[in-house]
Amino acid sequence: MNAKELCTCKNIKCKYHPLNHDFGCTPCIEINLKTNDIPNCYFEKIDPEHKHKGTKIKDFAKFILDKY
């Protein structure tokens, strides 16, 4: 399975989305590591319909704690 089939992110307008280039998930992971963010696919794995308010590591930690 390639990244274009695997990616669950609904933000397909994002320039880092695998549908918009041929580098798989690498650009998304790279930018998120640089900015201390968590990729949308992590949030969507836990709750596909969740509308998170932030994408920082602390936002993901709060999301997990609130969910479980």
Protein backbone atom coordinates (compact mmCIF):
# COMPACT_ATOMS: atom_id res chain seq x y z
CA MET A 1 0.00 0.00 0.00
CA ASN A 2 1.36 3.42 -0.86
CA ALA A 3 1.02 6.63 1.17
CA LYS A 4 -1.67 8.01 -1.12
CA GLU A 5 -3.88 5.06 -0.20
CA LEU A 6 -2.81 4.96 3.43
CA CYS A 7 -3.19 8.61 4.40
CA THR A 8 -6.37 9.33 6.36
CA CYS A 9 -5.92 13.10 6.55
CA LYS A 10 -8.94 14.93 5.18
CA ASN A 11 -6.98 18.13 4.51
CA ILE A 12 -6.15 17.29 0.91
CA LYS A 13 -5.43 20.96 0.12
CA CYS A 14 -2.36 20.77 2.38
CA LYS A 15 0.82 20.88 0.29
CA TYR A 16 2.27 18.09 2.47
CA HIS A 17 -0.61 15.67 1.80
CA PRO A 18 0.64 12.61 -0.15
CA LEU A 19 -1.87 13.30 -2.92
CA ASN A 20 -0.03 16.50 -3.75
CA HIS A 21 3.49 15.14 -4.36
CA ASP A 22 5.44 11.89 -4.75
CA PHE A 23 7.31 11.82 -1.42
CA GLY A 24 4.81 9.87 0.69
CA CYS A 25 4.35 10.91 4.32
CA THR A 26 7.90 12.26 4.71
CA PRO A 27 7.15 15.97 4.11
CA CYS A 28 4.23 15.88 6.56
CA ILE A 29 6.22 14.12 9.26
CA GLU A 30 9.21 16.40 8.67
CA ILE A 31 7.27 19.65 9.05
CA ASN A 32 5.38 18.35 12.09
CA LEU A 33 8.62 17.36 13.81
CA LYS A 34 10.06 20.82 13.15
CA THR A 35 6.99 22.61 14.53
CA ASN A 36 6.24 20.26 17.46
CA ASP A 37 2.93 19.28 15.91
CA ILE A 38 1.20 15.94 15.54
CA PRO A 39 -0.01 14.90 12.06
CA ASN A 40 -3.79 14.93 11.58
CA CYS A 41 -3.80 11.21 10.90
CA TYR A 42 -2.96 10.54 14.56
CA PHE A 43 -6.07 12.43 15.70
CA GLU A 44 -8.19 10.81 13.01
CA LYS A 45 -7.01 7.31 13.94
CA ILE A 46 -8.49 7.80 17.41
CA ASP A 47 -11.66 9.59 16.27
CA PRO A 48 -12.27 10.07 12.53
CA GLU A 49 -14.95 12.71 13.15
CA HIS A 50 -13.05 14.70 15.78
CA LYS A 51 -12.51 18.38 15.10
CA HIS A 52 -9.39 19.11 17.16
CA LYS A 53 -8.67 22.64 18.25
CA GLY A 54 -4.90 22.41 17.97
CA THR A 55 -2.20 20.18 16.55
CA LYS A 56 0.60 20.68 19.06
CA ILE A 57 1.93 17.72 21.06
CA LYS A 58 0.18 19.08 24.19
CA ASP A 59 -3.12 19.26 22.27
CA PHE A 60 -2.77 15.62 21.26
CA ALA A 61 -1.93 14.60 24.84
CA LYS A 62 -5.06 16.41 26.11
CA PHE A 63 -7.12 14.81 23.33
CA ILE A 64 -5.94 11.34 24.38
CA LEU A 65 -6.52 12.00 28.08
CA ASP A 66 -10.02 13.35 27.41
CA LYS A 67 -10.85 10.44 25.07
CA TYR A 68 -9.68 7.71 27.45
